[in-house]
C-alpha cells in the first residue's frame, strides 16, 4: 500500500474549496495549509497506479495550480510485485509495430 506526501498549490482564494474537495476523496488526508495556498496532503492508496490516477484527478480540481510529490513509501507494494500478486502497468513500453 503506497503512501505519498504531497504539497497541493492553490490560488489562495480557492484554498478552502480545494480542501473540501480533497477531504471528499477516500484515501486523502489533509494535514494543514498556509495562507499562501499550499496544502499538505497524504495519499494512502492500494497501488501506485491508483495514486497516479488520484493525482491526475486532483490536478483537475478548480483552483489547483500544482501537485508536488514530497515523499513516497511503497515497500509493501514492491513485495507484492516481487511475489506476483500485483502486476504494475508499465507506461513506457514500446508500442507494437503494425
PDB file of N, CA and C in Angstrom:
ATOM      1  N   UNK A   1       0.842  -1.164   0.000  1.00  0.00           N
ATOM      2  CA  UNK A   1       0.000   0.000   0.000  1.00  0.00           C
ATOM      3  C   UNK A   1       0.896   1.238   0.000  1.00  0.00           C
ATOM      4  N   UNK A   2       0.996   1.935  -1.128  1.00  0.00           N
ATOM      5  CA  UNK A   2       1.841   3.118  -1.177  1.00  0.00           C
ATOM      6  C   UNK A   2       1.224   4.291  -0.423  1.00  0.00           C
ATOM      7  N   UNK A   3       2.110   5.059   0.201  1.00  0.00           N
ATOM      8  CA  UNK A   3       1.712   6.273   0.909  1.00  0.00           C
ATOM      9  C   UNK A   3       2.584   7.389   0.365  1.00  0.00           C
ATOM     10  N   UNK A   4       1.954   8.483  -0.050  1.00  0.00           N
ATOM     11  CA  UNK A   4       2.700   9.608  -0.604  1.00  0.00           C
ATOM     12  C   UNK A   4       2.314  10.903   0.056  1.00  0.00           C
ATOM     13  N   UNK A   5       3.299  11.735   0.285  1.00  0.00           N
ATOM     14  CA  UNK A   5       3.068  13.077   0.815  1.00  0.00           C
ATOM     15  C   UNK A   5       3.200  14.086  -0.308  1.00  0.00           C
ATOM     16  N   UNK A   6       2.250  14.991  -0.394  1.00  0.00           N
ATOM     17  CA  UNK A   6       2.201  15.967  -1.483  1.00  0.00           C
ATOM     18  C   UNK A   6       1.960  17.369  -0.946  1.00  0.00           C
ATOM     19  N   UNK A   7       2.415  18.349  -1.724  1.00  0.00           N
ATOM     20  CA  UNK A   7       2.047  19.740  -1.490  1.00  0.00           C
ATOM     21  C   UNK A   7       1.167  20.144  -2.665  1.00  0.00           C
ATOM     22  N   UNK A   8      -0.071  20.479  -2.359  1.00  0.00           N
ATOM     23  CA  UNK A   8      -1.008  20.922  -3.387  1.00  0.00           C
ATOM     24  C   UNK A   8      -1.014  22.448  -3.343  1.00  0.00           C
ATOM     25  N   UNK A   9      -0.576  23.071  -4.426  1.00  0.00           N
ATOM     26  CA  UNK A   9      -0.539  24.527  -4.503  1.00  0.00           C
ATOM     27  C   UNK A   9      -1.825  25.022  -5.158  1.00  0.00           C
ATOM     28  N   UNK A  10      -2.441  25.997  -4.506  1.00  0.00           N
ATOM     29  CA  UNK A  10      -3.715  26.523  -4.999  1.00  0.00           C
ATOM     30  C   UNK A  10      -3.669  28.040  -5.060  1.00  0.00           C
ATOM     31  N   UNK A  11      -4.655  28.591  -5.716  1.00  0.00           N
ATOM     32  CA  UNK A  11      -4.875  30.026  -5.605  1.00  0.00           C
ATOM     33  C   UNK A  11      -5.383  30.270  -4.194  1.00  0.00           C
ATOM     34  N   UNK A  12      -4.813  31.235  -3.464  1.00  0.00           N
ATOM     35  CA  UNK A  12      -5.225  31.444  -2.067  1.00  0.00           C
ATOM     36  C   UNK A  12      -6.744  31.586  -1.889  1.00  0.00           C
ATOM     37  N   UNK A  13      -7.408  32.255  -2.811  1.00  0.00           N
ATOM     38  CA  UNK A  13      -8.857  32.443  -2.671  1.00  0.00           C
ATOM     39  C   UNK A  13      -9.637  31.147  -2.904  1.00  0.00           C
ATOM     40  N   UNK A  14      -9.012  30.142  -3.528  1.00  0.00           N
ATOM     41  CA  UNK A  14      -9.660  28.862  -3.801  1.00  0.00           C
ATOM     42  C   UNK A  14      -9.279  27.777  -2.804  1.00  0.00           C
ATOM     43  N   UNK A  15      -8.378  28.086  -1.871  1.00  0.00           N
ATOM     44  CA  UNK A  15      -7.815  27.068  -0.976  1.00  0.00           C
ATOM     45  C   UNK A  15      -8.891  26.297  -0.215  1.00  0.00           C
ATOM     46  N   UNK A  16      -9.838  26.960   0.402  1.00  0.00           N
ATOM     47  CA  UNK A  16     -10.854  26.267   1.204  1.00  0.00           C
ATOM     48  C   UNK A  16     -11.725  25.360   0.349  1.00  0.00           C
ATOM     49  N   UNK A  17     -12.062  25.789  -0.862  1.00  0.00           N
ATOM     50  CA  UNK A  17     -12.846  24.929  -1.766  1.00  0.00           C
ATOM     51  C   UNK A  17     -12.049  23.689  -2.161  1.00  0.00           C
ATOM     52  N   UNK A  18     -10.751  23.872  -2.420  1.00  0.00           N
ATOM     53  CA  UNK A  18      -9.896  22.739  -2.779  1.00  0.00           C
ATOM     54  C   UNK A  18      -9.787  21.781  -1.601  1.00  0.00           C
ATOM     55  N   UNK A  19      -9.612  22.306  -0.396  1.00  0.00           N
ATOM     56  CA  UNK A  19      -9.524  21.451   0.796  1.00  0.00           C
ATOM     57  C   UNK A  19     -10.783  20.609   0.936  1.00  0.00           C
ATOM     58  N   UNK A  20     -11.932  21.202   0.751  1.00  0.00           N
ATOM     59  CA  UNK A  20     -13.192  20.455   0.867  1.00  0.00           C
ATOM     60  C   UNK A  20     -13.270  19.356  -0.197  1.00  0.00           C
ATOM     61  N   UNK A  21     -12.825  19.665  -1.407  1.00  0.00           N
ATOM     62  CA  UNK A  21     -12.815  18.642  -2.471  1.00  0.00           C
ATOM     63  C   UNK A  21     -11.866  17.502  -2.115  1.00  0.00           C
ATOM     64  N   UNK A  22     -10.681  17.848  -1.590  1.00  0.00           N
ATOM     65  CA  UNK A  22      -9.702  16.822  -1.220  1.00  0.00           C
ATOM     66  C   UNK A  22     -10.229  15.938  -0.095  1.00  0.00           C
ATOM     67  N   UNK A  23     -10.874  16.542   0.891  1.00  0.00           N
ATOM     68  CA  UNK A  23     -11.396  15.779   2.022  1.00  0.00           C
ATOM     69  C   UNK A  23     -12.522  14.840   1.602  1.00  0.00           C
ATOM     70  N   UNK A  24     -13.172  15.122   0.483  1.00  0.00           N
ATOM     71  CA  UNK A  24     -14.258  14.285  -0.006  1.00  0.00           C
ATOM     72  C   UNK A  24     -13.801  13.038  -0.749  1.00  0.00           C
ATOM     73  N   UNK A  25     -12.501  12.861  -0.916  1.00  0.00           N
ATOM     74  CA  UNK A  25     -11.970  11.713  -1.653  1.00  0.00           C
ATOM     75  C   UNK A  25     -11.410  10.685  -0.673  1.00  0.00           C
ATOM     76  N   UNK A  26     -11.828   9.436  -0.817  1.00  0.00           N
ATOM     77  CA  UNK A  26     -11.341   8.351   0.043  1.00  0.00           C
ATOM     78  C   UNK A  26      -9.843   8.160  -0.175  1.00  0.00           C
ATOM     79  N   UNK A  27      -9.110   8.037   0.922  1.00  0.00           N
ATOM     80  CA  UNK A  27      -7.669   7.825   0.842  1.00  0.00           C
ATOM     81  C   UNK A  27      -6.860   9.096   0.975  1.00  0.00           C
ATOM     82  N   UNK A  28      -7.531  10.242   1.019  1.00  0.00           N
ATOM     83  CA  UNK A  28      -6.858  11.523   1.177  1.00  0.00           C
ATOM     84  C   UNK A  28      -6.906  11.958   2.637  1.00  0.00           C
ATOM     85  N   UNK A  29      -5.809  12.534   3.135  1.00  0.00           N
ATOM     86  CA  UNK A  29      -5.792  13.152   4.457  1.00  0.00           C
ATOM     87  C   UNK A  29      -5.113  14.507   4.317  1.00  0.00           C
ATOM     88  N   UNK A  30      -5.845  15.557   4.653  1.00  0.00           N
ATOM     89  CA  UNK A  30      -5.302  16.912   4.632  1.00  0.00           C
ATOM     90  C   UNK A  30      -4.728  17.191   6.016  1.00  0.00           C
ATOM     91  N   UNK A  31      -3.435  17.553   6.062  1.00  0.00           N
ATOM     92  CA  UNK A  31      -2.769  17.796   7.338  1.00  0.00           C
ATOM     93  C   UNK A  31      -2.612  19.267   7.673  1.00  0.00           C
ATOM     94  N   UNK A  32      -2.866  20.144   6.742  1.00  0.00           N
ATOM     95  CA  UNK A  32      -2.749  21.568   7.042  1.00  0.00           C
ATOM     96  C   UNK A  32      -2.579  22.376   5.777  1.00  0.00           C
ATOM     97  N   UNK A  33      -2.503  23.682   5.965  1.00  0.00           N
ATOM     98  CA  UNK A  33      -2.327  24.596   4.836  1.00  0.00           C
ATOM     99  C   UNK A  33      -1.739  25.899   5.350  1.00  0.00           C
ATOM    100  N   UNK A  34      -1.306  26.733   4.425  1.00  0.00           N
ATOM    101  CA  UNK A  34      -0.812  28.056   4.813  1.00  0.00           C
ATOM    102  C   UNK A  34      -1.596  29.131   4.069  1.00  0.00           C
ATOM    103  N   UNK A  35      -1.326  30.376   4.421  1.00  0.00           N
ATOM    104  CA  UNK A  35      -2.071  31.495   3.835  1.00  0.00           C
ATOM    105  C   UNK A  35      -1.718  31.737   2.369  1.00  0.00           C
ATOM    106  N   UNK A  36      -0.630  31.139   1.902  1.00  0.00           N
ATOM    107  CA  UNK A  36      -0.234  31.301   0.503  1.00  0.00           C
ATOM    108  C   UNK A  36      -0.946  30.316  -0.427  1.00  0.00           C
ATOM    109  N   UNK A  37      -1.718  29.385   0.136  1.00  0.00           N
ATOM    110  CA  UNK A  37      -2.486  28.448  -0.682  1.00  0.00           C
ATOM    111  C   UNK A  37      -1.870  27.068  -0.808  1.00  0.00           C
ATOM    112  N   UNK A  38      -0.838  26.761  -0.020  1.00  0.00           N
ATOM    113  CA  UNK A  38      -0.227  25.432  -0.049  1.00  0.00           C
ATOM    114  C   UNK A  38      -0.944  24.510   0.930  1.00  0.00           C
ATOM    115  N   UNK A  39      -1.261  23.307   0.479  1.00  0.00           N
ATOM    116  CA  UNK A  39      -1.988  22.322   1.281  1.00  0.00           C
ATOM    117  C   UNK A  39      -1.107  21.081   1.415  1.00  0.00           C
ATOM    118  N   UNK A  40      -0.957  20.587   2.642  1.00  0.00           N
ATOM    119  CA  UNK A  40      -0.204  19.358   2.881  1.00  0.00           C
ATOM    120  C   UNK A  40      -1.188  18.201   2.816  1.00  0.00           C
ATOM    121  N   UNK A  41      -0.937  17.258   1.918  1.00  0.00           N
ATOM    122  CA  UNK A  41      -1.847  16.149   1.648  1.00  0.00           C
ATOM    123  C   UNK A  41      -1.096  14.829   1.680  1.00  0.00           C
ATOM    124  N   UNK A  42      -1.682  13.826   2.317  1.00  0.00           N
ATOM    125  CA  UNK A  42      -1.140  12.467   2.279  1.00  0.00           C
ATOM    126  C   UNK A  42      -2.154  11.574   1.580  1.00  0.00           C
ATOM    127  N   UNK A  43      -1.663  10.797   0.605  1.00  0.00           N
ATOM    128  CA  UNK A  43      -2.494   9.832  -0.104  1.00  0.00           C
ATOM    129  C   UNK A  43      -2.101   8.437   0.338  1.00  0.00           C
ATOM    130  N   UNK A  44      -3.080   7.637   0.688  1.00  0.00           N
ATOM    131  CA  UNK A  44      -2.877   6.252   1.113  1.00  0.00           C
ATOM    132  C   UNK A  44      -3.735   5.389   0.197  1.00  0.00           C
ATOM    133  N   UNK A  45      -3.105   4.791  -0.821  1.00  0.00           N
ATOM    134  CA  UNK A  45      -3.842   4.073  -1.853  1.00  0.00           C
ATOM    135  C   UNK A  45      -3.429   2.606  -1.872  1.00  0.00           C
ATOM    136  N   UNK A  46      -4.177   1.781  -2.589  1.00  0.00           N
ATOM    137  CA  UNK A  46      -3.867   0.356  -2.706  1.00  0.00           C
ATOM    138  C   UNK A  46      -2.673   0.101  -3.620  1.00  0.00           C
ATOM    139  N   UNK A  47      -2.568   0.857  -4.714  1.00  0.00           N
ATOM    140  CA  UNK A  47      -1.461   0.669  -5.659  1.00  0.00           C
ATOM    141  C   UNK A  47      -0.939   2.031  -6.106  1.00  0.00           C
ATOM    142  N   UNK A  48       0.274   2.025  -6.643  1.00  0.00           N
ATOM    143  CA  UNK A  48       0.833   3.277  -7.153  1.00  0.00           C
ATOM    144  C   UNK A  48       0.073   3.738  -8.400  1.00  0.00           C
ATOM    145  N   UNK A  49      -0.494   2.805  -9.158  1.00  0.00           N
ATOM    146  CA  UNK A  49      -1.329   3.198 -10.305  1.00  0.00           C
ATOM    147  C   UNK A  49      -2.537   3.997  -9.841  1.00  0.00           C
ATOM    148  N   UNK A  50      -3.176   3.542  -8.743  1.00  0.00           N
ATOM    149  CA  UNK A  50      -4.317   4.282  -8.190  1.00  0.00           C
ATOM    150  C   UNK A  50      -3.875   5.663  -7.721  1.00  0.00           C
ATOM    151  N   UNK A  51      -2.687   5.725  -7.118  1.00  0.00           N
ATOM    152  CA  UNK A  51      -2.193   7.017  -6.635  1.00  0.00           C
ATOM    153  C   UNK A  51      -1.961   7.970  -7.811  1.00  0.00           C
ATOM    154  N   UNK A  52      -1.394   7.449  -8.874  1.00  0.00           N
ATOM    155  CA  UNK A  52      -1.155   8.275 -10.056  1.00  0.00           C
ATOM    156  C   UNK A  52      -2.464   8.815 -10.618  1.00  0.00           C
ATOM    157  N   UNK A  53      -3.495   7.964 -10.666  1.00  0.00           N
ATOM    158  CA  UNK A  53      -4.811   8.405 -11.147  1.00  0.00           C
ATOM    159  C   UNK A  53      -5.396   9.471 -10.228  1.00  0.00           C
ATOM    160  N   UNK A  54      -5.214   9.285  -8.904  1.00  0.00           N
ATOM    161  CA  UNK A  54      -5.738  10.262  -7.950  1.00  0.00           C
ATOM    162  C   UNK A  54      -5.059  11.620  -8.132  1.00  0.00           C
ATOM    163  N   UNK A  55      -3.751  11.606  -8.327  1.00  0.00           N
ATOM    164  CA  UNK A  55      -3.028  12.868  -8.539  1.00  0.00           C
ATOM    165  C   UNK A  55      -3.584  13.579  -9.774  1.00  0.00           C
ATOM    166  N   UNK A  56      -3.864  12.827 -10.821  1.00  0.00           N
ATOM    167  CA  UNK A  56      -4.438  13.429 -12.031  1.00  0.00           C
ATOM    168  C   UNK A  56      -5.824  14.017 -11.737  1.00  0.00           C
ATOM    169  N   UNK A  57      -6.629  13.348 -10.906  1.00  0.00           N
ATOM    170  CA  UNK A  57      -7.938  13.885 -10.505  1.00  0.00           C
ATOM    171  C   UNK A  57      -7.762  15.191  -9.742  1.00  0.00           C
ATOM    172  N   UNK A  58      -6.802  15.214  -8.834  1.00  0.00           N
ATOM    173  CA  UNK A  58      -6.568  16.406  -8.006  1.00  0.00           C
ATOM    174  C   UNK A  58      -6.146  17.580  -8.881  1.00  0.00           C
ATOM    175  N   UNK A  59      -5.333  17.330  -9.878  1.00  0.00           N
ATOM    176  CA  UNK A  59      -4.888  18.398 -10.776  1.00  0.00           C
ATOM    177  C   UNK A  59      -6.059  19.066 -11.492  1.00  0.00           C
ATOM    178  N   UNK A  60      -7.167  18.346 -11.646  1.00  0.00           N
ATOM    179  CA  UNK A  60      -8.335  18.871 -12.356  1.00  0.00           C
ATOM    180  C   UNK A  60      -9.280  19.667 -11.459  1.00  0.00           C
ATOM    181  N   UNK A  61      -9.033  19.687 -10.149  1.00  0.00           N
ATOM    182  CA  UNK A  61      -9.891  20.456  -9.236  1.00  0.00           C
ATOM    183  C   UNK A  61      -9.688  21.939  -9.530  1.00  0.00           C
ATOM    184  N   UNK A  62     -10.773  22.700  -9.734  1.00  0.00           N
ATOM    185  CA  UNK A  62     -10.627  24.136  -9.991  1.00  0.00           C
ATOM    186  C   UNK A  62      -9.844  24.825  -8.862  1.00  0.00           C
ATOM    187  N   UNK A  63      -8.869  25.627  -9.253  1.00  0.00           N
ATOM    188  CA  UNK A  63      -8.052  26.350  -8.292  1.00  0.00           C
ATOM    189  C   UNK A  63      -6.721  25.688  -7.982  1.00  0.00           C
ATOM    190  N   UNK A  64      -6.549  24.418  -8.368  1.00  0.00           N
ATOM    191  CA  UNK A  64      -5.279  23.729  -8.131  1.00  0.00           C
ATOM    192  C   UNK A  64      -4.275  24.169  -9.199  1.00  0.00           C
ATOM    193  N   UNK A  65      -3.106  24.624  -8.737  1.00  0.00           N
ATOM    194  CA  UNK A  65      -2.051  25.061  -9.645  1.00  0.00           C
ATOM    195  C   UNK A  65      -1.017  23.964  -9.884  1.00  0.00           C
ATOM    196  N   UNK A  66      -0.713  23.178  -8.837  1.00  0.00           N
ATOM    197  CA  UNK A  66       0.315  22.153  -8.943  1.00  0.00           C
ATOM    198  C   UNK A  66       0.129  21.125  -7.836  1.00  0.00           C
ATOM    199  N   UNK A  67       0.542  19.890  -8.120  1.00  0.00           N
ATOM    200  CA  UNK A  67       0.576  18.829  -7.113  1.00  0.00           C
ATOM    201  C   UNK A  67       2.009  18.310  -7.100  1.00  0.00           C
ATOM    202  N   UNK A  68       2.737  18.638  -6.021  1.00  0.00           N
ATOM    203  CA  UNK A  68       4.145  18.269  -5.936  1.00  0.00           C
ATOM    204  C   UNK A  68       4.376  17.142  -4.950  1.00  0.00           C
ATOM    205  N   UNK A  69       5.118  16.121  -5.373  1.00  0.00           N
ATOM    206  CA  UNK A  69       5.448  14.990  -4.521  1.00  0.00           C
ATOM    207  C   UNK A  69       6.545  15.384  -3.549  1.00  0.00           C
ATOM    208  N   UNK A  70       6.313  15.135  -2.255  1.00  0.00           N
ATOM    209  CA  UNK A  70       7.323  15.406  -1.224  1.00  0.00           C
ATOM    210  C   UNK A  70       8.002  14.115  -0.786  1.00  0.00           C
ATOM    211  N   UNK A  71       7.242  13.033  -0.669  1.00  0.00           N
ATOM    212  CA  UNK A  71       7.827  11.730  -0.328  1.00  0.00           C
ATOM    213  C   UNK A  71       6.912  10.612  -0.784  1.00  0.00           C
ATOM    214  N   UNK A  72       7.502   9.398  -0.928  1.00  0.00           N
ATOM    215  CA  UNK A  72       6.733   8.223  -1.338  1.00  0.00           C
ATOM    216  C   UNK A  72       7.280   7.016  -0.597  1.00  0.00           C
ATOM    217  N   UNK A  73       6.380   6.200  -0.078  1.00  0.00           N
ATOM    218  CA  UNK A  73       6.756   4.962   0.602  1.00  0.00           C
ATOM    219  C   UNK A  73       5.916   3.844  -0.012  1.00  0.00           C
ATOM    220  N   UNK A  74       6.591   2.836  -0.564  1.00  0.00           N
ATOM    221  CA  UNK A  74       5.833   1.751  -1.201  1.00  0.00           C
ATOM    222  C   UNK A  74       6.518   0.403  -1.070  1.00  0.00           C
ATOM    223  N   UNK A  75       7.181   0.160   0.053  1.00  0.00           N
ATOM    224  CA  UNK A  75       7.869  -1.116   0.256  1.00  0.00           C
ATOM    225  C   UNK A  75       6.946  -2.314   0.143  1.00  0.00           C
ATOM    226  N   UNK A  76       5.789  -2.270   0.783  1.00  0.00           N
ATOM    227  CA  UNK A  76       4.895  -3.425   0.739  1.00  0.00           C
ATOM    228  C   UNK A  76       4.371  -3.677  -0.670  1.00  0.00           C
ATOM    229  N   UNK A  77       4.204  -2.628  -1.474  1.00  0.00           N
ATOM    230  CA  UNK A  77       3.776  -2.823  -2.856  1.00  0.00           C
ATOM    231  C   UNK A  77       4.892  -3.521  -3.642  1.00  0.00           C
ATOM    232  N   UNK A  78       6.136  -3.162  -3.400  1.00  0.00           N
ATOM    233  CA  UNK A  78       7.260  -3.815  -4.058  1.00  0.00           C
ATOM    234  C   UNK A  78       7.283  -5.306  -3.729  1.00  0.00           C
ATOM    235  N   UNK A  79       7.010  -5.655  -2.469  1.00  0.00           N
ATOM    236  CA  UNK A  79       6.956  -7.066  -2.077  1.00  0.00           C
ATOM    237  C   UNK A  79       5.856  -7.801  -2.832  1.00  0.00           C
ATOM    238  N   UNK A  80       4.696  -7.149  -3.006  1.00  0.00           N
ATOM    239  CA  UNK A  80       3.593  -7.775  -3.742  1.00  0.00           C
ATOM    240  C   UNK A  80       3.947  -7.957  -5.217  1.00  0.00           C
ATOM    241  N   UNK A  81       4.690  -7.006  -5.790  1.00  0.00           N
ATOM    242  CA  UNK A  81       5.127  -7.126  -7.184  1.00  0.00           C
ATOM    243  C   UNK A  81       6.095  -8.298  -7.314  1.00  0.00           C
ATOM    244  N   UNK A  82       7.043  -8.390  -6.369  1.00  0.00           N
ATOM    245  CA  UNK A  82       8.013  -9.480  -6.409  1.00  0.00           C
ATOM    246  C   UNK A  82       7.343 -10.848  -6.292  1.00  0.00           C
ATOM    247  N   UNK A  83       6.251 -10.944  -5.529  1.00  0.00           N
ATOM    248  CA  UNK A  83       5.544 -12.209  -5.350  1.00  0.00           C
ATOM    249  C   UNK A  83       4.549 -12.486  -6.474  1.00  0.00           C
ATOM    250  N   UNK A  84       4.365 -11.518  -7.371  1.00  0.00           N
ATOM    251  CA  UNK A  84       3.433 -11.689  -8.480  1.00  0.00           C
ATOM    252  C   UNK A  84       1.988 -11.397  -8.130  1.00  0.00           C
ATOM    253  N   UNK A  85       1.753 -10.848  -6.951  1.00  0.00           N
ATOM    254  CA  UNK A  85       0.389 -10.517  -6.533  1.00  0.00           C
ATOM    255  C   UNK A  85      -0.125  -9.312  -7.325  1.00  0.00           C
ATOM    256  N   UNK A  86       0.757  -8.350  -7.560  1.00  0.00           N
ATOM    257  CA  UNK A  86       0.425  -7.149  -8.338  1.00  0.00           C
ATOM    258  C   UNK A  86       1.290  -7.148  -9.589  1.00  0.00           C
ATOM    259  N   UNK A  87       0.677  -6.828 -10.714  1.00  0.00           N
ATOM    260  CA  UNK A  87       1.418  -6.676 -11.962  1.00  0.00           C
ATOM    261  C   UNK A  87       1.219  -5.235 -12.421  1.00  0.00           C
ATOM    262  N   UNK A  88       2.236  -4.383 -12.164  1.00  0.00           N
ATOM    263  CA  UNK A  88       2.070  -2.963 -12.492  1.00  0.00           C
ATOM    264  C   UNK A  88       1.998  -2.731 -13.991  1.00  0.00           C
ATOM    265  N   UNK A  89       1.250  -1.706 -14.333  1.00  0.00           N
ATOM    266  CA  UNK A  89       1.157  -1.273 -15.712  1.00  0.00           C
ATOM    267  C   UNK A  89       2.419  -0.467 -16.005  1.00  0.00           C
ATOM    268  N   UNK A  90       3.091  -0.769 -17.083  1.00  0.00           N
ATOM    269  CA  UNK A  90       4.322  -0.061 -17.422  1.00  0.00           C
ATOM    270  C   UNK A  90       4.024   0.860 -18.601  1.00  0.00           C
ATOM    271  N   UNK A  91       3.935   2.170 -18.352  1.00  0.00           N
ATOM    272  CA  UNK A  91       3.530   3.093 -19.409  1.00  0.00           C
ATOM    273  C   UNK A  91       4.620   3.392 -20.440  1.00  0.00           C
ATOM    274  N   UNK A  92       5.856   2.938 -20.230  1.00  0.00           N
ATOM    275  CA  UNK A  92       6.939   3.307 -21.107  1.00  0.00           C
ATOM    276  C   UNK A  92       7.352   2.198 -22.087  1.00  0.00           C
ATOM    277  N   UNK A  93       6.564   1.129 -22.151  1.00  0.00           N
ATOM    278  CA  UNK A  93       6.947   0.058 -23.070  1.00  0.00           C
ATOM    279  C   UNK A  93       6.707   0.489 -24.516  1.00  0.00           C
ATOM    280  N   UNK A  94       7.385  -0.198 -25.387  1.00  0.00           N
ATOM    281  CA  UNK A  94       7.258   0.132 -26.817  1.00  0.00           C
ATOM    282  C   UNK A  94       5.910  -0.326 -27.335  1.00  0.00           C
ATOM    283  N   UNK A  95       5.410   0.471 -28.247  1.00  0.00           N
ATOM    284  CA  UNK A  95       4.153   0.105 -28.909  1.00  0.00           C
ATOM    285  C   UNK A  95       4.434  -0.992 -29.927  1.00  0.00           C
ATOM    286  N   UNK A  96       3.508  -1.934 -30.064  1.00  0.00           N
ATOM    287  CA  UNK A  96       3.703  -2.982 -31.081  1.00  0.00           C
ATOM    288  C   UNK A  96       3.763  -2.379 -32.465  1.00  0.00           C
ATOM    289  N   UNK A  97       4.633  -2.890 -33.282  1.00  0.00           N
ATOM    290  CA  UNK A  97       4.767  -2.387 -34.657  1.00  0.00           C
ATOM    291  C   UNK A  97       3.660  -2.992 -35.502  1.00  0.00           C
ATOM    292  N   UNK A  98       3.076  -2.151 -36.290  1.00  0.00           N
ATOM    293  CA  UNK A  98       1.962  -2.604 -37.151  1.00  0.00           C
ATOM    294  C   UNK A  98       2.438  -2.972 -38.515  1.00  0.00           C
TER     295      UNK A  98
END
